[in-house]
Structures are given as C-alpha cells and as structure tokens.
C-alpha cells in the first residue's frame, strides 16, 4: 500500500470548499468516503490509522488534500512518512509543506490547523522505528529509494 501523491493524469475532484483532492483514483475515493462520512468511514485501512492532510500548493496556491498513514509519538504529535512508495522524488504533499508548514488535518471527525516540519536528525531514528512498527514496508521503500525518506512531525495549533 502506498498513499503517495506523486501525480496522475486522472481528473482531480475539487470539493465545495475549494480543496483539490489527490489525483490518484484509490486515494481520491478514500478521501471522498472519509469526508462524506465525517471521518467515521475509512479512517482505518488495513489496520492502519489514516488522516487527511491538506497543504497549500507551492506553485498553484491551491489547497490540496491527500490521505496518509500516521503514527503518534510519545508527545501526541502526528508522524508522517514522505515515502512516495520509495519513488525517486519526494511526494508533492511533502514539497508543499516544506514551502508552507501550516497545514490542515482531519483525524476521524476532528479537523484542525497544525504546523508541520521535517523531523530532526536526532528525532528520526526513534520516529522511523515507530512508523516501521506500524508499516514495515517503509524499510523496503527506503531500501529502493535513491533519497533519504523524510519524516514529518505535525503539531496541532489549537
């Protein structure tokens, strides 16, 4: 499973609030069900907790939404893996949040604004272990990726 948002020729759905959903068909469908159910349907996929991340497009300025697996660290911060399935390039959502770290999350029925940042070198080993304990394939993605896969720490601004 890879909930990357690397791009596609598939049409993108824009919701009434002006958010453009992932162009990947299965991700877009997941987002649609998540949103329409108020976060009660599909927030867990294959036993993994899922959230919706909305970033601001670094070139377009449009709000863009994708679905991602997440973990929680010991301080209750959300941890995301910018794996893009081990592809050579970072996923678009990651590049967007590097340009503008203010993001929106929907976790189940809860929606809130948060601040996202790349995990520090000191944090990464501990957080990588957390995320690979949830989804061991992240190690395989890192093995095939010609880049260091970034980890993202997201803290609510509420």
N, C-alpha and C. Protein backbone atom coordinates (compact mmCIF):
# COMPACT_ATOMS: atom_id res chain seq x y z
N UNK A 1 0.84 -1.17 0.00
CA UNK A 1 0.00 0.00 0.00
C UNK A 1 0.89 1.23 0.00
N UNK A 2 0.53 2.18 -0.81
CA UNK A 2 1.23 3.44 -0.83
C UNK A 2 0.22 4.54 -1.04
N UNK A 3 0.11 5.43 -0.11
CA UNK A 3 -0.80 6.55 -0.25
C UNK A 3 0.01 7.76 -0.66
N UNK A 4 0.82 7.59 -1.70
CA UNK A 4 1.62 8.71 -2.18
C UNK A 4 0.75 9.62 -3.02
N UNK A 5 1.24 10.81 -3.25
CA UNK A 5 0.51 11.78 -4.05
C UNK A 5 1.48 12.37 -5.06
N UNK A 6 1.99 11.51 -5.91
CA UNK A 6 3.00 11.92 -6.85
C UNK A 6 2.48 12.48 -8.15
N UNK A 7 1.19 12.37 -8.41
CA UNK A 7 0.64 12.92 -9.64
C UNK A 7 0.05 11.84 -10.51
N UNK A 8 -0.82 12.24 -11.43
CA UNK A 8 -1.53 11.32 -12.28
C UNK A 8 -2.25 12.10 -13.34
N UNK A 9 -2.69 11.40 -14.39
CA UNK A 9 -3.49 12.04 -15.43
C UNK A 9 -4.97 11.96 -15.11
N UNK A 10 -5.35 11.32 -14.01
CA UNK A 10 -6.75 11.20 -13.65
C UNK A 10 -7.29 12.56 -13.24
N UNK A 11 -8.59 12.82 -13.52
CA UNK A 11 -9.15 14.12 -13.12
C UNK A 11 -9.14 14.27 -11.61
N UNK A 12 -8.94 15.49 -11.16
CA UNK A 12 -8.93 15.77 -9.73
C UNK A 12 -10.27 16.32 -9.31
N UNK A 13 -10.75 15.86 -8.16
CA UNK A 13 -12.01 16.34 -7.61
C UNK A 13 -11.72 17.54 -6.72
N UNK A 14 -12.52 18.58 -6.88
CA UNK A 14 -12.43 19.74 -6.01
C UNK A 14 -13.72 19.79 -5.20
N UNK A 15 -13.60 19.85 -3.88
CA UNK A 15 -14.80 19.89 -3.04
C UNK A 15 -15.37 21.31 -3.01
N UNK A 16 -16.57 21.47 -2.47
CA UNK A 16 -17.19 22.80 -2.42
C UNK A 16 -16.36 23.84 -1.68
N UNK A 17 -15.47 23.41 -0.79
CA UNK A 17 -14.62 24.34 -0.07
C UNK A 17 -13.37 24.73 -0.84
N UNK A 18 -13.25 24.26 -2.07
CA UNK A 18 -12.11 24.62 -2.91
C UNK A 18 -10.87 23.76 -2.72
N UNK A 19 -10.99 22.63 -2.03
CA UNK A 19 -9.85 21.76 -1.82
C UNK A 19 -9.76 20.77 -2.98
N UNK A 20 -8.57 20.64 -3.56
CA UNK A 20 -8.34 19.71 -4.66
C UNK A 20 -7.82 18.41 -4.06
N UNK A 21 -8.52 17.31 -4.36
CA UNK A 21 -8.11 16.01 -3.82
C UNK A 21 -7.04 15.36 -4.67
N UNK A 22 -6.35 14.41 -4.08
CA UNK A 22 -5.31 13.65 -4.76
C UNK A 22 -5.80 13.17 -6.11
N UNK A 23 -4.93 13.19 -7.12
CA UNK A 23 -5.32 12.70 -8.44
C UNK A 23 -5.31 11.17 -8.55
N UNK A 24 -4.79 10.50 -7.54
CA UNK A 24 -4.74 9.03 -7.57
C UNK A 24 -6.12 8.47 -7.24
N UNK A 25 -6.68 7.67 -8.13
CA UNK A 25 -8.05 7.20 -8.00
C UNK A 25 -8.40 6.58 -6.67
N UNK A 26 -7.61 5.62 -6.19
CA UNK A 26 -7.95 4.95 -4.94
C UNK A 26 -7.80 5.88 -3.74
N UNK A 27 -6.87 6.83 -3.81
CA UNK A 27 -6.71 7.80 -2.73
C UNK A 27 -7.88 8.78 -2.76
N UNK A 28 -8.25 9.24 -3.95
CA UNK A 28 -9.38 10.16 -4.08
C UNK A 28 -10.66 9.53 -3.56
N UNK A 29 -10.86 8.25 -3.85
CA UNK A 29 -12.06 7.55 -3.36
C UNK A 29 -12.02 7.43 -1.84
N UNK A 30 -10.86 7.14 -1.30
CA UNK A 30 -10.71 7.07 0.16
C UNK A 30 -11.07 8.43 0.79
N UNK A 31 -10.55 9.50 0.21
CA UNK A 31 -10.82 10.84 0.72
C UNK A 31 -12.31 11.13 0.66
N UNK A 32 -12.94 10.81 -0.47
CA UNK A 32 -14.37 11.07 -0.64
C UNK A 32 -15.18 10.39 0.47
N UNK A 33 -14.90 9.10 0.71
CA UNK A 33 -15.64 8.37 1.75
C UNK A 33 -15.34 8.95 3.14
N UNK A 34 -14.10 9.29 3.37
CA UNK A 34 -13.69 9.86 4.66
C UNK A 34 -14.48 11.15 4.93
N UNK A 35 -14.48 12.05 3.94
CA UNK A 35 -15.14 13.35 4.09
C UNK A 35 -16.65 13.18 4.21
N UNK A 36 -17.25 12.40 3.30
CA UNK A 36 -18.71 12.24 3.30
C UNK A 36 -19.22 11.60 4.58
N UNK A 37 -18.41 10.77 5.22
CA UNK A 37 -18.84 10.10 6.45
C UNK A 37 -18.48 10.92 7.69
N UNK A 38 -17.89 12.09 7.50
CA UNK A 38 -17.47 12.88 8.65
C UNK A 38 -16.31 12.26 9.40
N UNK A 39 -15.54 11.42 8.71
CA UNK A 39 -14.37 10.79 9.31
C UNK A 39 -14.65 9.47 10.00
N UNK A 40 -15.89 8.98 9.91
CA UNK A 40 -16.20 7.71 10.58
C UNK A 40 -15.96 6.50 9.69
N UNK A 41 -15.89 6.71 8.37
CA UNK A 41 -15.66 5.60 7.45
C UNK A 41 -14.27 5.73 6.83
N UNK A 42 -13.53 4.64 6.83
CA UNK A 42 -12.21 4.51 6.22
C UNK A 42 -11.10 5.27 6.94
N UNK A 43 -11.30 5.63 8.21
CA UNK A 43 -10.18 6.25 8.90
C UNK A 43 -9.14 5.21 9.29
N UNK A 44 -9.47 3.92 9.16
CA UNK A 44 -8.51 2.84 9.36
C UNK A 44 -8.53 1.97 8.10
N UNK A 45 -7.37 1.76 7.50
CA UNK A 45 -7.24 0.94 6.29
C UNK A 45 -6.17 -0.10 6.55
N UNK A 46 -6.52 -1.36 6.32
CA UNK A 46 -5.58 -2.47 6.57
C UNK A 46 -4.99 -2.40 7.98
N UNK A 47 -5.80 -1.98 8.93
CA UNK A 47 -5.36 -1.89 10.31
C UNK A 47 -4.53 -0.66 10.64
N UNK A 48 -4.35 0.23 9.65
CA UNK A 48 -3.53 1.43 9.84
C UNK A 48 -4.41 2.66 10.00
N UNK A 49 -4.08 3.50 10.96
CA UNK A 49 -4.80 4.75 11.13
C UNK A 49 -4.48 5.69 9.98
N UNK A 50 -5.52 6.34 9.48
CA UNK A 50 -5.37 7.26 8.35
C UNK A 50 -5.87 8.64 8.76
N UNK A 51 -5.26 9.65 8.19
CA UNK A 51 -5.73 11.01 8.35
C UNK A 51 -5.76 11.67 6.98
N UNK A 52 -6.40 12.82 6.92
CA UNK A 52 -6.39 13.63 5.71
C UNK A 52 -5.53 14.85 5.98
N UNK A 53 -4.59 15.09 5.07
CA UNK A 53 -3.68 16.23 5.17
C UNK A 53 -3.99 17.18 4.03
N UNK A 54 -4.18 18.46 4.37
CA UNK A 54 -4.38 19.49 3.35
C UNK A 54 -3.23 20.47 3.44
N UNK A 55 -2.56 20.65 2.31
CA UNK A 55 -1.44 21.59 2.21
C UNK A 55 -1.82 22.68 1.20
N UNK A 56 -1.00 23.71 1.15
CA UNK A 56 -1.17 24.77 0.15
C UNK A 56 -0.15 24.48 -0.96
N UNK A 57 -0.63 24.37 -2.21
CA UNK A 57 0.25 24.10 -3.35
C UNK A 57 1.34 25.15 -3.45
N UNK A 58 2.57 24.72 -3.53
CA UNK A 58 3.71 25.64 -3.52
C UNK A 58 3.77 26.49 -4.78
N UNK A 59 3.22 26.01 -5.89
CA UNK A 59 3.21 26.79 -7.13
C UNK A 59 1.82 27.37 -7.42
N UNK A 60 0.78 26.56 -7.22
CA UNK A 60 -0.58 26.98 -7.59
C UNK A 60 -1.26 27.80 -6.50
N UNK A 61 -0.86 27.59 -5.24
CA UNK A 61 -1.55 28.25 -4.14
C UNK A 61 -2.86 27.57 -3.76
N UNK A 62 -3.25 26.52 -4.49
CA UNK A 62 -4.49 25.81 -4.20
C UNK A 62 -4.31 24.91 -2.99
N UNK A 63 -5.42 24.71 -2.27
CA UNK A 63 -5.41 23.77 -1.15
C UNK A 63 -5.52 22.36 -1.72
N UNK A 64 -4.60 21.49 -1.31
CA UNK A 64 -4.53 20.12 -1.84
C UNK A 64 -4.59 19.12 -0.69
N UNK A 65 -5.40 18.06 -0.91
CA UNK A 65 -5.66 17.09 0.17
C UNK A 65 -5.26 15.69 -0.28
N UNK A 66 -4.67 14.96 0.67
CA UNK A 66 -4.32 13.56 0.45
C UNK A 66 -4.59 12.77 1.73
N UNK A 67 -4.62 11.46 1.60
CA UNK A 67 -4.81 10.57 2.75
C UNK A 67 -3.48 9.91 3.07
N UNK A 68 -3.14 9.84 4.35
CA UNK A 68 -1.85 9.29 4.77
C UNK A 68 -1.99 8.44 6.02
N UNK A 69 -1.12 7.45 6.11
CA UNK A 69 -0.95 6.68 7.35
C UNK A 69 -0.25 7.61 8.34
N UNK A 70 -0.61 7.49 9.60
CA UNK A 70 0.08 8.29 10.61
C UNK A 70 0.35 7.47 11.86
N UNK A 71 1.31 7.94 12.61
CA UNK A 71 1.58 7.42 13.94
C UNK A 71 1.54 8.58 14.91
N UNK A 72 1.51 8.25 16.19
CA UNK A 72 1.58 9.27 17.24
C UNK A 72 2.82 9.01 18.08
N UNK A 73 3.62 10.06 18.29
CA UNK A 73 4.79 9.89 19.14
C UNK A 73 4.38 10.01 20.60
N UNK A 74 5.35 9.90 21.49
CA UNK A 74 5.07 9.91 22.93
C UNK A 74 4.52 11.24 23.42
N UNK A 75 4.66 12.29 22.62
CA UNK A 75 4.13 13.60 22.99
C UNK A 75 2.79 13.88 22.33
N UNK A 76 2.24 12.89 21.61
CA UNK A 76 0.95 13.05 20.96
C UNK A 76 1.00 13.81 19.64
N UNK A 77 2.21 13.96 19.10
CA UNK A 77 2.35 14.62 17.79
C UNK A 77 2.13 13.59 16.69
N UNK A 78 1.62 14.05 15.56
CA UNK A 78 1.38 13.17 14.41
C UNK A 78 2.68 13.01 13.64
N UNK A 79 2.95 11.78 13.20
CA UNK A 79 4.17 11.49 12.45
C UNK A 79 3.75 10.92 11.10
N UNK A 80 4.31 11.49 10.03
CA UNK A 80 4.02 11.08 8.66
C UNK A 80 5.31 10.69 7.96
N UNK A 81 5.22 9.76 7.01
CA UNK A 81 6.38 9.31 6.25
C UNK A 81 6.20 9.77 4.80
N UNK A 82 7.14 10.54 4.30
CA UNK A 82 7.09 11.04 2.92
C UNK A 82 7.75 10.03 1.98
N UNK A 83 7.23 8.80 1.98
CA UNK A 83 7.88 7.71 1.26
C UNK A 83 7.65 7.75 -0.24
N UNK A 84 6.46 8.16 -0.67
CA UNK A 84 6.11 8.12 -2.09
C UNK A 84 6.36 6.72 -2.64
N UNK A 85 6.15 5.71 -1.77
CA UNK A 85 6.33 4.31 -2.18
C UNK A 85 7.76 3.96 -2.55
N UNK A 86 8.72 4.76 -2.12
CA UNK A 86 10.13 4.52 -2.46
C UNK A 86 10.54 5.12 -3.80
N UNK A 87 9.68 5.95 -4.38
CA UNK A 87 9.99 6.61 -5.65
C UNK A 87 11.19 7.54 -5.50
N UNK A 88 11.83 7.88 -6.63
CA UNK A 88 12.99 8.76 -6.57
C UNK A 88 12.71 10.16 -6.02
N UNK A 89 11.49 10.67 -6.22
CA UNK A 89 11.17 12.03 -5.80
C UNK A 89 10.29 12.03 -4.55
N UNK A 90 10.42 13.09 -3.78
CA UNK A 90 9.53 13.28 -2.64
C UNK A 90 8.11 13.49 -3.14
N UNK A 91 7.11 13.11 -2.35
CA UNK A 91 5.72 13.33 -2.76
C UNK A 91 5.39 14.83 -2.78
N UNK A 92 4.42 15.20 -3.62
CA UNK A 92 4.02 16.60 -3.75
C UNK A 92 3.58 17.19 -2.42
N UNK A 93 2.84 16.42 -1.62
CA UNK A 93 2.36 16.96 -0.34
C UNK A 93 3.52 17.38 0.55
N UNK A 94 4.62 16.62 0.51
CA UNK A 94 5.78 16.96 1.33
C UNK A 94 6.43 18.25 0.83
N UNK A 95 6.60 18.37 -0.47
CA UNK A 95 7.19 19.59 -1.03
C UNK A 95 6.33 20.81 -0.70
N UNK A 96 5.02 20.62 -0.70
CA UNK A 96 4.12 21.71 -0.34
C UNK A 96 4.30 22.14 1.11
N UNK A 97 4.39 21.20 2.02
CA UNK A 97 4.51 21.59 3.43
C UNK A 97 5.89 22.11 3.77
N UNK A 98 6.91 21.75 3.00
CA UNK A 98 8.23 22.36 3.19
C UNK A 98 8.14 23.85 2.85
N UNK A 99 7.37 24.18 1.79
CA UNK A 99 7.21 25.57 1.38
C UNK A 99 6.33 26.35 2.35
N UNK A 100 5.33 25.68 2.94
CA UNK A 100 4.41 26.33 3.87
C UNK A 100 3.99 25.29 4.89
N UNK A 101 4.53 25.38 6.09
CA UNK A 101 4.30 24.37 7.12
C UNK A 101 2.95 24.44 7.82
N UNK A 102 2.14 25.45 7.52
CA UNK A 102 0.80 25.48 8.11
C UNK A 102 -0.10 24.58 7.27
N UNK A 103 -0.64 23.55 7.90
CA UNK A 103 -1.44 22.54 7.22
C UNK A 103 -2.76 22.36 7.96
N UNK A 104 -3.67 21.63 7.34
CA UNK A 104 -4.92 21.24 7.98
C UNK A 104 -4.93 19.72 8.07
N UNK A 105 -5.41 19.20 9.20
CA UNK A 105 -5.56 17.76 9.37
C UNK A 105 -7.02 17.45 9.66
N UNK A 106 -7.44 16.29 9.17
CA UNK A 106 -8.69 15.70 9.64
C UNK A 106 -8.31 14.32 10.13
N UNK A 107 -8.56 14.10 11.41
CA UNK A 107 -8.28 12.81 12.05
C UNK A 107 -9.62 12.34 12.60
N UNK A 108 -10.21 11.35 11.93
CA UNK A 108 -11.58 10.97 12.27
C UNK A 108 -12.47 12.17 12.07
N UNK A 109 -13.34 12.50 13.02
CA UNK A 109 -14.22 13.65 12.86
C UNK A 109 -13.57 14.99 13.19
N UNK A 110 -12.37 14.96 13.78
CA UNK A 110 -11.70 16.18 14.21
C UNK A 110 -10.93 16.83 13.07
N UNK A 111 -11.17 18.12 12.88
CA UNK A 111 -10.46 18.91 11.86
C UNK A 111 -9.78 20.07 12.57
N UNK A 112 -8.51 20.33 12.22
CA UNK A 112 -7.78 21.40 12.89
C UNK A 112 -6.58 21.83 12.07
N UNK A 113 -6.10 23.03 12.37
CA UNK A 113 -4.90 23.59 11.76
C UNK A 113 -3.71 23.13 12.57
N UNK A 114 -2.61 22.88 11.87
CA UNK A 114 -1.41 22.37 12.53
C UNK A 114 -0.16 22.94 11.86
N UNK A 115 0.96 22.75 12.52
CA UNK A 115 2.27 23.15 11.98
C UNK A 115 3.06 21.88 11.71
N UNK A 116 3.55 21.74 10.47
CA UNK A 116 4.31 20.57 10.06
C UNK A 116 5.76 20.96 9.82
N UNK A 117 6.65 20.03 10.17
CA UNK A 117 8.09 20.24 9.95
C UNK A 117 8.76 18.90 9.74
N UNK A 118 9.90 18.95 9.10
CA UNK A 118 10.69 17.73 8.93
C UNK A 118 11.29 17.33 10.28
N UNK A 119 11.29 16.04 10.57
CA UNK A 119 11.89 15.55 11.81
C UNK A 119 13.39 15.84 11.79
N UNK A 120 13.93 16.17 12.93
CA UNK A 120 15.36 16.43 13.04
C UNK A 120 16.14 15.11 12.94
N UNK A 121 17.43 15.23 12.71
CA UNK A 121 18.29 14.04 12.65
C UNK A 121 18.25 13.28 13.97
N UNK A 122 18.12 14.00 15.07
CA UNK A 122 18.07 13.35 16.39
C UNK A 122 16.76 12.59 16.59
N UNK A 123 15.66 13.14 16.07
CA UNK A 123 14.35 12.51 16.23
C UNK A 123 14.14 11.32 15.29
N UNK A 124 14.76 11.36 14.13
CA UNK A 124 14.42 10.42 13.07
C UNK A 124 14.55 8.95 13.45
N UNK A 125 15.64 8.48 14.06
CA UNK A 125 15.72 7.04 14.36
C UNK A 125 14.55 6.54 15.21
N UNK A 126 14.20 7.28 16.23
CA UNK A 126 13.10 6.89 17.11
C UNK A 126 11.77 6.90 16.36
N UNK A 127 11.55 7.95 15.56
CA UNK A 127 10.29 8.07 14.82
C UNK A 127 10.21 7.07 13.67
N UNK A 128 11.36 6.78 13.05
CA UNK A 128 11.39 5.77 11.98
C UNK A 128 10.99 4.41 12.56
N UNK A 129 11.53 4.10 13.72
CA UNK A 129 11.18 2.84 14.38
C UNK A 129 9.68 2.78 14.67
N UNK A 130 9.12 3.88 15.15
CA UNK A 130 7.68 3.96 15.40
C UNK A 130 6.91 3.64 14.13
N UNK A 131 7.27 4.29 13.03
CA UNK A 131 6.49 4.14 11.80
C UNK A 131 6.69 2.77 11.14
N UNK A 132 7.90 2.21 11.23
CA UNK A 132 8.09 0.87 10.66
C UNK A 132 7.45 -0.21 11.52
N UNK A 133 7.21 0.09 12.79
CA UNK A 133 6.47 -0.87 13.62
C UNK A 133 5.01 -0.91 13.19
N UNK A 134 4.52 0.19 12.61
CA UNK A 134 3.15 0.23 12.10
C UNK A 134 3.06 -0.34 10.69
N UNK A 135 4.03 -0.01 9.85
CA UNK A 135 4.03 -0.43 8.45
C UNK A 135 5.46 -0.79 8.05
N UNK A 136 5.86 -2.07 8.21
CA UNK A 136 7.24 -2.49 7.95
C UNK A 136 7.72 -2.23 6.51
N UNK A 137 6.81 -2.09 5.57
CA UNK A 137 7.21 -1.83 4.18
C UNK A 137 7.96 -0.51 4.01
N UNK A 138 7.88 0.39 5.01
CA UNK A 138 8.66 1.63 4.90
C UNK A 138 10.15 1.31 4.77
N UNK A 139 10.62 0.25 5.41
CA UNK A 139 12.03 -0.13 5.27
C UNK A 139 12.34 -0.53 3.83
N UNK A 140 11.43 -1.26 3.19
CA UNK A 140 11.62 -1.64 1.79
C UNK A 140 11.58 -0.41 0.88
N UNK A 141 10.70 0.53 1.19
CA UNK A 141 10.65 1.77 0.40
C UNK A 141 11.98 2.51 0.52
N UNK A 142 12.55 2.58 1.74
CA UNK A 142 13.81 3.28 1.92
C UNK A 142 14.94 2.57 1.19
N UNK A 143 14.90 1.24 1.19
CA UNK A 143 15.95 0.47 0.51
C UNK A 143 15.97 0.74 -0.99
N UNK A 144 14.82 0.96 -1.59
CA UNK A 144 14.79 1.19 -3.04
C UNK A 144 14.86 2.66 -3.42
N UNK A 145 14.63 3.55 -2.48
CA UNK A 145 14.63 4.99 -2.79
C UNK A 145 16.06 5.51 -2.90
N UNK A 146 16.34 6.30 -3.94
CA UNK A 146 17.67 6.90 -4.07
C UNK A 146 17.80 8.21 -3.28
N UNK A 147 16.99 8.36 -2.25
CA UNK A 147 16.97 9.56 -1.42
C UNK A 147 16.68 9.13 0.01
N UNK A 148 16.98 9.99 0.95
CA UNK A 148 16.59 9.72 2.33
C UNK A 148 15.11 10.10 2.46
N UNK A 149 14.29 9.15 2.88
CA UNK A 149 12.86 9.42 3.03
C UNK A 149 12.65 10.29 4.27
N UNK A 150 12.03 11.44 4.07
CA UNK A 150 11.80 12.33 5.21
C UNK A 150 10.65 11.86 6.10
N UNK A 151 10.77 12.17 7.37
CA UNK A 151 9.68 12.01 8.32
C UNK A 151 9.19 13.41 8.68
N UNK A 152 7.89 13.51 8.88
CA UNK A 152 7.27 14.80 9.19
C UNK A 152 6.61 14.72 10.55
N UNK A 153 6.81 15.74 11.35
CA UNK A 153 6.18 15.87 12.66
C UNK A 153 5.15 16.99 12.54
N UNK A 154 3.91 16.69 12.95
CA UNK A 154 2.83 17.67 12.83
C UNK A 154 2.23 17.91 14.22
N UNK A 155 2.19 19.19 14.60
CA UNK A 155 1.67 19.57 15.91
C UNK A 155 0.45 20.48 15.73
N UNK A 156 -0.68 20.11 16.34
CA UNK A 156 -1.87 20.96 16.26
C UNK A 156 -1.60 22.36 16.82
N UNK A 157 -2.25 23.35 16.23
CA UNK A 157 -2.12 24.73 16.70
C UNK A 157 -3.33 25.16 17.53
N UNK A 158 -4.10 24.20 18.03
CA UNK A 158 -5.30 24.54 18.79
C UNK A 158 -4.99 24.97 20.19
